[in-house]
Protein backbone atom coordinates (compact mmCIF):
# COMPACT_ATOMS: atom_id res chain seq x y z
CA MET A 1 199.61 -1.57 103.00
CA ASN A 2 203.09 -2.33 104.25
CA VAL A 3 204.74 0.54 106.16
CA ALA A 4 208.53 0.64 106.45
CA ARG A 5 210.66 3.07 108.43
CA ARG A 6 214.04 1.79 107.27
CA LEU A 7 215.19 0.98 103.75
CA GLU A 8 216.14 -2.53 104.86
CA GLU A 9 212.51 -3.29 105.73
CA LEU A 10 211.50 -3.20 102.05
CA ALA A 11 211.74 -6.37 100.00
CA VAL A 12 213.93 -6.23 96.91
CA ALA A 13 211.75 -5.18 93.97
CA GLU A 14 211.48 -2.87 90.99
CA ARG A 15 209.45 0.09 92.18
CA ALA A 16 207.47 3.07 90.95
CA VAL A 17 207.94 5.66 93.66
CA ALA A 18 205.61 8.55 94.48
CA LEU A 19 207.88 11.02 96.24
CA GLY A 20 206.80 13.86 98.52
CA SER A 21 205.57 15.03 101.91
CA PHE A 22 201.88 14.46 101.00
CA ASP A 23 200.53 16.52 103.91
CA GLY A 24 196.74 16.35 103.66
CA LEU A 25 196.85 14.01 100.64
CA HIS A 26 194.90 16.49 98.51
CA LEU A 27 193.77 16.14 94.89
CA GLY A 28 197.18 17.14 93.52
CA HIS A 29 198.88 14.48 95.62
CA ARG A 30 196.43 11.89 94.35
CA ARG A 31 197.43 12.69 90.77
CA VAL A 32 201.02 11.89 91.73
CA LEU A 33 199.93 8.54 93.20
CA ASP A 34 197.98 7.79 90.01
CA ALA A 35 201.07 8.53 87.89
CA ALA A 36 203.12 6.07 89.94
CA ARG A 37 200.45 3.37 89.74
CA VAL A 38 200.23 3.40 85.94
CA ALA A 39 203.92 2.46 85.67
CA GLY A 40 202.83 -1.11 86.37
CA LEU A 41 205.45 -1.74 89.07
CA ARG A 42 205.16 -2.06 92.84
CA THR A 43 203.73 1.30 93.91
CA THR A 44 205.75 2.73 96.79
CA VAL A 45 205.26 6.08 98.48
CA VAL A 46 208.39 7.67 99.91
CA THR A 47 207.36 10.34 102.38
CA PHE A 48 209.07 12.29 105.14
CA TRP A 49 208.56 12.80 108.86
CA PRO A 50 208.85 15.26 110.42
CA HIS A 51 207.82 17.73 107.74
CA PRO A 52 211.01 18.94 105.99
CA ARG A 53 210.12 22.60 106.46
CA THR A 54 209.95 22.20 110.25
CA VAL A 55 213.42 20.63 110.30
CA LEU A 56 214.67 23.62 108.31
CA GLY A 57 213.36 25.98 110.98
CA ASN A 58 209.91 26.89 109.65
CA ARG A 59 206.61 26.51 111.44
CA VAL A 60 204.15 24.29 109.59
CA GLU A 61 200.55 23.74 110.66
CA LEU A 62 199.91 20.23 109.43
CA LEU A 63 196.69 19.14 107.73
CA THR A 64 197.17 15.54 108.90
CA THR A 65 199.16 13.63 111.45
CA LEU A 66 201.54 10.99 110.16
CA GLU A 67 199.15 8.29 111.40
CA ARG A 68 196.30 9.79 109.39
CA ARG A 69 198.49 10.29 106.33
CA LEU A 70 199.33 6.60 106.36
CA GLU A 71 195.65 5.68 106.72
CA LEU A 72 194.75 7.83 103.71
CA LEU A 73 197.58 6.33 101.66
CA ALA A 74 196.34 2.83 102.50
CA GLU A 75 192.88 3.83 101.31
CA ALA A 76 194.29 5.34 98.07
CA PRO A 77 195.54 2.54 97.71
CA VAL A 78 199.30 2.01 97.34
CA ASP A 79 201.34 -1.14 97.93
CA GLU A 80 203.72 0.24 100.54
CA THR A 81 205.01 3.41 102.14
CA LEU A 82 208.51 4.19 103.30
CA VAL A 83 208.57 6.85 106.02
CA VAL A 84 211.96 8.55 105.90
CA GLU A 85 213.10 10.40 108.99
CA PHE A 86 213.92 13.89 107.75
CA THR A 87 216.99 15.23 109.51
CA THR A 88 219.41 18.11 109.01
CA GLU A 89 221.92 15.52 107.77
CA LEU A 90 219.49 14.36 105.09
CA ALA A 91 218.77 17.97 104.13
CA ARG A 92 222.50 18.56 103.58
CA LEU A 93 222.85 15.74 101.03
CA GLU A 94 223.52 16.88 97.49
CA PRO A 95 220.66 15.89 95.16
CA ARG A 96 222.68 13.15 93.46
CA GLU A 97 223.67 11.70 96.84
CA PHE A 98 220.05 11.82 97.96
CA ALA A 99 218.86 9.95 94.86
CA GLU A 100 221.54 7.28 95.09
CA ALA A 101 221.36 6.76 98.85
CA LEU A 102 217.59 6.63 99.04
CA LEU A 103 215.90 5.98 95.70
CA ARG A 104 218.41 3.75 93.92
CA ARG A 105 218.88 1.53 96.97
CA ILE A 106 215.22 0.48 97.08
CA GLY A 107 215.08 -0.51 93.40
CA THR A 108 213.39 2.60 92.07
CA GLN A 109 212.77 2.50 88.32
CA ALA A 110 210.03 5.11 87.89
CA ILE A 111 209.42 8.24 89.95
CA ALA A 112 206.27 10.37 90.11
CA VAL A 113 206.56 13.87 91.56
CA GLY A 114 204.73 17.14 91.34
CA GLU A 115 206.28 19.30 88.63
CA ASN A 116 207.52 21.81 91.22
CA PHE A 117 209.10 19.18 93.50
CA ARG A 118 212.61 20.00 94.72
CA PHE A 119 214.99 17.94 96.84
CA GLY A 120 218.52 17.83 98.16
CA ARG A 121 220.82 20.52 99.53
CA GLY A 122 219.51 23.98 98.72
CA ALA A 123 216.51 22.38 96.97
CA ALA A 124 218.79 22.05 93.94
CA GLY A 125 217.38 18.73 92.71
CA ASP A 126 214.39 18.47 90.38
CA ALA A 127 212.69 16.16 87.89
CA ALA A 128 215.24 16.97 85.18
CA LEU A 129 218.11 15.81 87.39
CA LEU A 130 216.31 12.57 88.20
CA ARG A 131 215.98 11.94 84.44
CA GLU A 132 219.72 12.56 84.02
CA LEU A 133 220.31 9.89 86.63
CA GLY A 134 218.38 7.37 84.51
CA PHE A 135 215.03 7.24 86.29
CA ASP A 136 211.75 7.12 84.37
CA VAL A 137 210.30 10.36 85.73
CA ARG A 138 206.64 11.37 85.57
CA ALA A 139 206.41 15.07 86.51
CA VAL A 140 202.75 15.68 87.28
CA PRO A 141 201.34 19.13 86.44
CA ILE A 142 200.02 21.15 89.35
CA VAL A 143 196.24 20.92 89.69
CA ASP A 144 195.00 24.47 89.21
CA GLY A 145 194.43 26.16 92.57
CA VAL A 146 195.22 23.06 94.63
CA SER A 147 197.96 23.31 97.24
CA SER A 148 198.43 22.56 100.91
CA THR A 149 198.98 26.29 101.47
CA ARG A 150 195.62 27.20 99.94
CA ILE A 151 193.86 24.47 101.92
CA ARG A 152 195.39 25.81 105.13
CA GLN A 153 194.04 29.26 104.29
CA PHE A 154 190.54 27.86 103.83
CA VAL A 155 190.70 25.87 107.08
CA ARG A 156 192.01 28.83 109.10
CA ALA A 157 189.07 30.87 107.82
CA GLY A 158 186.53 28.13 108.58
CA GLU A 159 185.71 27.80 104.87
CA ILE A 160 184.95 24.10 104.97
CA LYS A 161 183.55 23.73 101.44
CA GLY A 162 186.56 25.42 99.90
CA ALA A 163 188.98 23.16 101.77
CA ALA A 164 186.92 20.05 100.93
CA ARG A 165 186.91 20.94 97.24
CA LEU A 166 190.72 20.91 97.13
CA LEU A 167 191.16 17.91 99.41
CA GLY A 168 188.55 15.79 97.66
CA ARG A 169 187.17 14.98 101.13
CA PRO A 170 186.10 16.94 104.21
CA PRO A 171 188.84 18.59 106.29
CA GLU A 172 189.47 16.86 109.59
CA VAL A 173 190.50 17.45 113.17
CA GLU A 174 192.15 14.60 115.02
CA GLY A 175 192.87 14.01 118.67
CA VAL A 176 192.56 11.78 121.71
CA VAL A 177 189.61 12.19 124.11
CA VAL A 178 190.78 13.51 127.49
CA VAL A 179 189.03 14.76 130.61
CA GLY A 180 187.24 18.08 130.09
CA ASP A 181 184.90 20.29 132.10
CA GLN A 182 182.11 17.71 131.71
CA ARG A 183 179.70 20.62 131.50
CA GLY A 184 177.92 19.41 128.36
CA GLY A 185 176.43 16.43 130.16
CA THR A 186 174.74 18.67 132.70
CA LEU A 187 173.14 20.56 129.80
CA GLY A 188 171.85 17.37 128.17
CA TYR A 189 174.49 17.36 125.40
CA PRO A 190 177.59 15.46 126.55
CA THR A 191 180.76 16.24 124.64
CA ALA A 192 184.17 14.69 124.18
CA ASN A 193 187.18 16.90 124.81
CA LEU A 194 189.87 16.36 122.16
CA ASP A 195 193.56 16.75 122.87
CA VAL A 196 194.85 17.77 119.44
CA PRO A 197 198.57 17.53 118.51
CA ALA A 198 200.24 20.92 118.83
CA ASP A 199 201.43 21.00 115.20
CA LEU A 200 198.02 20.13 113.69
CA LEU A 201 195.99 22.93 112.09
CA VAL A 202 192.70 23.67 113.86
CA PRO A 203 189.93 25.57 112.00
CA ALA A 204 188.57 28.99 112.88
CA TYR A 205 186.65 29.14 116.15
CA GLY A 206 182.97 28.40 115.79
CA ILE A 207 180.31 25.71 115.81
CA TYR A 208 180.50 23.04 113.12
CA ALA A 209 178.51 20.08 111.85
CA GLY A 210 180.67 17.02 111.38
CA TRP A 211 180.98 13.26 111.61
CA THR A 212 183.03 10.66 113.48
CA LEU A 213 182.73 6.99 114.47
CA GLY A 214 179.68 6.60 112.25
CA HIS A 215 177.78 9.41 113.98
CA ARG A 216 177.02 13.00 113.09
CA ALA A 217 178.62 15.43 115.53
CA ALA A 218 177.92 19.01 116.56
CA VAL A 219 181.36 20.43 117.24
CA SER A 220 182.42 23.41 119.29
CA ILE A 221 185.87 24.82 118.53
CA GLY A 222 186.92 27.75 120.68
CA VAL A 223 187.11 29.01 124.25
CA ASN A 224 183.52 28.61 125.52
CA PRO A 225 182.91 32.37 125.88
CA HIS A 226 179.59 31.83 127.66
CA TYR A 227 181.57 30.48 130.62
CA GLY A 228 184.41 32.97 130.31
CA GLY A 229 186.88 30.42 129.02
CA SER A 230 190.33 31.27 127.67
CA GLU A 231 191.76 27.84 126.77
CA ARG A 232 190.99 26.45 123.32
CA ARG A 233 188.75 23.40 123.35
CA ILE A 234 187.59 21.07 120.56
CA GLU A 235 184.41 19.40 121.80
CA PRO A 236 182.22 17.19 119.61
CA HIS A 237 178.78 16.06 120.72
CA LEU A 238 178.05 12.79 118.92
CA LEU A 239 174.39 12.50 117.99
CA ASP A 240 172.61 9.30 119.06
CA PHE A 241 175.75 7.92 120.67
CA GLU A 242 176.00 6.13 123.98
CA GLY A 243 179.28 4.98 125.45
CA ASP A 244 182.59 6.05 126.91
CA LEU A 245 185.01 7.77 124.53
CA PHE A 246 187.75 8.51 127.06
CA GLY A 247 191.18 7.63 125.68
CA ARG A 248 189.94 7.00 122.13
CA ARG A 249 191.48 8.60 119.07
CA LEU A 250 188.86 10.44 117.02
CA VAL A 251 189.22 11.56 113.42
CA LEU A 252 186.53 14.20 113.09
CA GLU A 253 185.27 15.20 109.65
CA LEU A 254 184.00 18.77 109.41
CA TRP A 255 181.06 19.21 107.04
CA GLN A 256 179.79 22.73 107.63
CA ARG A 257 180.49 25.80 109.77
CA LEU A 258 177.19 26.64 111.44
CA ARG A 259 177.94 29.86 113.33
CA ASP A 260 180.37 31.83 115.48
CA GLU A 261 180.79 30.94 119.13
CA ARG A 262 179.35 33.51 121.54
CA ALA A 263 178.12 34.15 125.07
CA PHE A 264 174.39 34.02 125.84
CA GLU A 265 172.12 35.94 128.18
CA SER A 266 171.27 32.77 130.12
CA GLU A 267 171.98 29.05 130.25
CA GLU A 268 168.47 28.40 128.95
CA GLU A 269 169.25 30.46 125.86
CA LEU A 270 172.49 28.51 125.42
CA VAL A 271 170.69 25.16 125.64
CA ALA A 272 168.09 26.31 123.12
CA GLN A 273 170.85 27.29 120.69
CA ILE A 274 172.62 23.94 121.16
CA ALA A 275 169.34 22.22 120.26
CA ARG A 276 169.23 24.27 117.05
CA ASP A 277 172.87 23.38 116.33
CA VAL A 278 172.07 19.68 116.77
CA GLU A 279 169.13 19.95 114.40
CA ALA A 280 171.30 21.77 111.84
CA THR A 281 173.86 18.98 112.20
CA ARG A 282 171.18 16.37 111.46
CA ASN A 283 170.36 18.23 108.25
CA ALA A 284 173.96 18.93 107.15
CA THR A 285 175.36 17.26 104.05
CA ARG A 286 178.88 16.02 103.48
CA PRO A 287 180.64 18.63 101.31
CA VAL A 288 182.16 16.11 98.87
């Protein structure tokens, strides 16, 4: 998939554009991509970074980084993606200006959007306006119960199956492996310590079964209360893995929440519980 960050980087072509933020690329978003594909033109996603709501002063806990969003779009698949830098200047454009300056200039013929999609100054633009401007508009009905907001609620609560059902895939945590306490290795269960982007949503504290790099992973998310910790850590132990993960980016699928984190009466009791968590991870099934 070709990725462009300026309009000039796209070749001249008639396009069917899927337009939106696409955070998480959930089942509703995939319906929008499908609607663009059936137009029979070059399928182009036009998405925004940073998230428009953050530029407008709201806090948004993202379901995916931009890098991961682009990977998921490539897998969808689509022909190309234009990442538009969302700025206060762009937000102030009237809807007609927005459509002409952005969509018309890249050869857009057909546009697929969710039926509640709004754009332009004061969110005044909608599918009806795009039709008035001469675009072939496919307004895709909302998939019942599916929204990024609802998925965030599930993830915050540690309800992995609920989130997976709406995403059409397991929820994920993403980060780069950095130096940690290196305590897991002394217990016989070495872990990687993930540095997660500050704006990325992290699930409820607890112990999870998951998967990354082709290996199942028992994942601790929390503050390590047994050792009196206060700083949040995301620490996967990859089953049957040998090697150095330092500096690597990990995309960690979460399959099942196994239990709450807690302190133990002794280190022996802790190690015994980790062994049970590892066994539960071996027996876990991918939620979708």
